[in-house]
Every structure is written in structure tokens, then in C-alpha cells.
């Protein structure tokens, strides 16, 4: 420490100082530009409510809303409104309403001698849905557009960008030191992960097949966190804030990263891009750490690069915006390594790899978990049968496998229990059984390196279809691997492991193609009940991409070690060029979804209401929840003082004497309880479409009803069990480590 200033002086040469100043200058310029874009700016185009010409003097429209529009997801801050209009009457007016609560936040009248109306609106909280309403009272009224801008920044994207840059810089410096010490793969994979993420470095966002769904997941999770849900069970963005079961049926553990960013003031666009960066970096890390356990460092490094650049994975991230599947693919190599080590007798390492890898896949994507269980189960069963005596000798391997399986279930009970509980409900997702033959691909289509934005899956028709490919490089590598095996050029261990990967990956390709007899097999109810959940036959290319990349990595390393540089260079160029095709196609062919962080997008896309009850009319549910408010069909009953915050609401009523049913703008998933102001609990039920209803008993003429979200007790018990299991595993590992470390004096 005494020599610290001298050491600093020695290291800070003029070149280093100049480089540091240049870097700080670049970061400063970027921050100024980024901070200037943290404002909200949008243009609302007023939409006529009816087909009649609202600019004419139509007596039927007098006193009614004639123009309306809506803006979603406004952050706290001050906003300036400027509305362009033409009015001949002096009583025509406009108001801005919080559509979730009915509260009027701003308003005024249109002067007939002016052409624009402006106002300032200050929000002290987030407003999920703000509606613009223009009322015709006399004369004529024509409303054109509203310029909606914030007075100063309302997002914190630039600030979080600085934090991200600092984190990436710190990681880069640490990896550079390891690089200098001879451990080079980490830095190269880190840079590769950053390079693959470059398509997301822009002010806007390109469209993707499922992107609005995942943006709404992030926004809804942020809203849930802000309103006290932990863990979040009901998404507060879908169904116009009515609460949607997506958080239970679709794993969201890794969405807490972008969700927390969004809750802390980052835009949904920024949070989504951070998630995509996380996926790429984790794909590189887990790809290397997983496959190095099976094949060694060199093959693990080659695998991570090839897997990172695989077109199927990139299309998941870029074209389809299948974020759950892309997340699962990032952790599949770690889960594979865990199963491999458990079979090989590396009990402790395999135990932790299996728990972490399988849990991460489960917390990313259910269908990918079923795929992992299917192919992993085949591998485990095949290994046990072919090494029967050795495997059961002493019982340690079998005990470790069982311990890993039980521990994985216990750690994930907090998600598994709610998922299984609602799996017994008659939700629409469980009636969606697909004929996989209709989405099977032409065999060579799995290696056809193209890019189209289309999402049609018409079977044998491939013209204009979206890419469903694992890349031509995997086919080339498979052929070379077979030739090397026949020539006896591969080391026995690599040949054996590569052959297993080739056979299982080849079978996955076979299952994705028209060659597989899906129509015949799906006539068997057991097969249909399991495999129809995969939705598309080409989804089995996940396994083909994973296992094929392992085979390609073995071939690539063999070529490099035997100085076959031309062949190795051709493989690398083919992989990189296909990744370039995917990235370029994403930017050039995908339509733009958001020009900036303030751009509108569909917040309520529920894909045919998959997590609604089968008996529910999706259109009717959406229409009722969009309208908001409390409904009551009992004559003479008045509802006042309605307030709604997240999934909680309250209202006052008068005029009730008999049993009175109130319909609320919430969907009933049995996670709400209702109370009168005197503490009496009220009965809750569902209407024909599954909306939450509260019944006030006879004899209560007036009062206030409080409706509150409550996580079910069973779920809380499962959460405690998962926490206890996780803490127990960590504590056990710490104790084992302490017992294994000898004292310094020994």
C-alpha cells in the first residue's frame, strides 16, 4: 500500500491517460445524447367514436364522446398536451381520464376562435391507461391530433446505461487479466456475446412474432412489483389491467431482471434489450462451461461460439422473439453437463450442474423443459442399460441422480405448485392440441440458410416461409464427423461422445421433418397428449441445434489441431455468414415495431386468451375489462368512489337491500377476497366469462367494498419450502467445503 501512488504513476503512462480521457469523452457524449432521449414524445390521432361525421352538426351526437384515443404506460412526470381542433361551439370540451380508475386528470373547453388547446399534466404515479375524450355539446367539432410530450426526462435509461457500461467494463477488465494470464476463452466469448447483441443497439425495436407478449410480460411484472406482488402471480398489463395468469403458466424468473429495471424507471424497450444481452452472454458462458465438462476446454470453446451463432437460436431471439425458448437454450448445455457428470460418477459437480441447469431451463420455458426431460431421459436410460453393473455398483451414482432430481423439484416448488394447481383448470391452453405433421419441415429445410420475416408454417410449402434451420454448417460437420470416424482419425472418447450427440441430434431432426410418422403416432392418446404440447414439429430442432453444435465443435477442433486450416476456416466462415444473414435480415426485413421508447405497441395481446377459461368469450372479456368500472344490474343501486390500484380496488354503493351482485374489472383466478368496511368478508364468484363478482348480502343498504389480491396459502407454503431447500443446499455446501479445507497449521 505504501508504494500505491508510485505504482499508479508507473501504470498511468501518457498513452493510458490519453486513452482514458478519450473513453470518458466518448461516454460523456453518449450519455448526453442518451439522456436527451429519456423524454416521452408521442402523437395521438383522435379517432371518431361513430361512423357519423362529427364535424357536422349532428344532434344525435350532442353531449356524447365523439373523438377518443388512448395512450398506455405513462411514467411519473410533467407532460405538455397540445390538441389541434376546429370547433364552432363554445361548450365543446376535452378531458384526459385514467381509464383504470375513471379519474379525470386534465380537461378544458375548446374555444371557437382558436385552433389548438394546450395544458400541462403532472403525474405523481404511473398511469397504465390514459384516455383522451372529446365531447360535442353544441355546433360542430373536429379533433385532429394531440402532441403529447414530457417536460424533461421521465425515463432512467441513460442512467441504467451507465451502470450497464460500468458492469460490462468491469467484466471485460477482469476477463482481460485472465486473458493475459493464459485463460483466453472467457474474454473471447464475452466479446462474441457482445457482438451478437449489436442488432439491439438502436433507438427503436424491430418487430418479432411474440414480441408484444414479452414486452407486456415485462411491463406487467414491473407493475406487480410496484404494487407489492412478490412473487408476481397475475400480470397487471394484459386484459386491460384485469390480471392474467401468464406469470403462473409461463415461467418468469429471469424476467425479474428487466421487470426490476422497468420498475426503477427504465423504459420497457430498454429493459427488453438488456434481457436480450443477458441471454447472449449466458448462452456463451453456459455453452462453454457445460460442454467443457463433457468434451474439454477446446471443444467447449468451439461449441460456445457455434451455438451462439446458430441460426435457430438467433431466429428465436430476432425473428420469432421467442424469448422463453431462447432463455432455455442458453441453459441447456449446463443441464446436459449435469446429466453427463451424474452418469460418469462426478457426483458433486453433476449434482450442482443438474440443479442449476435444469432449474434454469424450467424457469425459462415449459416446452423446452419437457424436451430436456425427454432427451435427457433417453440418454440416462441408455447409459444405465449399457453400464448396468458399473452404474449401480455402490449405489452412489443412482443416489446422486435421485438427490439431484428431488433437490431440483424442491427448489422450484414455488413455481411448480401454482403451475400444477392451475393445470387442473379448464384453460384454453390445454385444449390447444396440434397436429404436428402440419408443421413438419422438408428434411433439407433444417439446413437451408435463408431469412424471411413470414411466420407461416404450411408444411411442404417452403416459399416465403420463415427460416426453420440449424444451419448448413451442422450438416457439413455431421458428414465430416462420420468420415473421420470411418477413417479412425478421432480419439476414442471424442468419437464415442460425438456419436451419441450425432445420433440423438439426428433423431431430433428426423422428428422435426416430414419423414416422421406424426399422424400415425398421434392417433395414440398418450402420445398425442404429450407431444401435441410441443405445438410445432420443427421445435425439436432445439435439440438438433444443441447436439449438432457439439458434433461440429469436435470436428472444428480436430481440423485445427491437425492443421487443416482451410477446412476449419470454411466452417467458421459458414457459421459467421449465416449469423450475419440472420442479423441483417432482422434489421432489414422485420418491420419496425417501435421507433422509440414512447412508441405504442399492443399491450393486450393474449394469443386467443390461452390462459382464460374455455368457457370465457375472449372478446367479451376484453371489452368488459377495457370499459372498467363496477357493474351492477340491480335497479336502484348506485356505485360511487370507485378506485383501483393494480389488482386491488374499492367502491362505495347505496340503494342495495336484497342480495346484490357487483361485477368487477378483474378476472377471477381465486386470488381475490372482498370485505365490507365493517370487516365482513363477502362471497366472491365468477360470471359466465370468468370475471370476478362480489355479492353483498341482503340487509346491507350501503357501504364500501374493499377487494384485495391475496396469494393462495398453498403457494406461500411452496415458496417457503423452496427457500428452505435452497438455503439448506447452500448451507450444506458451505459446511462440506469447510470440513474439506485443512487448517493452515496442518
Foldseek 3Di string as FASTA:
>chain_A
DVCVVVVVVVPCDVVNVVVVVVVVVVLVVVLVVVQVQLKFKDKFFWDAPDPDDQQAFDVVQAFHFGTKDKAFKDFFAKKKKKWFKAFPDFAKKKFKALLQFRHTQDMDTDHNVDGMDMDMGGDPGIRGMIMMTIGHHGHGMDTGMMIMIGDGGQFCLSVVVVVVVVVLVVQLVVQVVVVVVPNNLLNVLSVLLVVLLVLLPDQFAFDAQCVLVVLLVLQQCLQCVVVPDVRDQFRQQALLRQTFRCCQQAFCPLSVQLSVSVNVGHFSSSSLSVLSSVLSSLLLVLQLVLVCLQPNRQLSSLLSNLLSLFLQLLCCVFQHVVFLLSQLLSLLSLLVSLLVCLLVVVLPSSLVSNLVSLLSNVSRGPLVSLVCCVLSVVVNVVSCVVCVCVRPVVPRSVVSVVVSVVLSCLLCLLNVVSNVVLVPFQFQLLVQFDQQQQQAEALCLQADLAAASADDRRHDDDVRHGRLYRHVLLVVLLVVLVVCVVVVNDDPSLNVLLVSLSVSLVVLSCQRHNNDPSVVVCVDVVSRSSPSSSVYSSVSCSSNNSSSSSSSSRSLVSCVVVVVVVVNVVSVVRSVVSSVNSSVCSVPNGHTQTNRSNDDDDSHDCPCRRRFHPQADVVVSSVVLSSFDKDWPDPQKDKDDWDDRNNKIKIKIAAAAAWTKIFGSHADPPFKWKAWPVGHTWDWDADSNRTIMTIDHGPDRITMMIMDGHDDPVSVVSVVSSVVSVVVVVVVVVVVVVVVDDDPVD
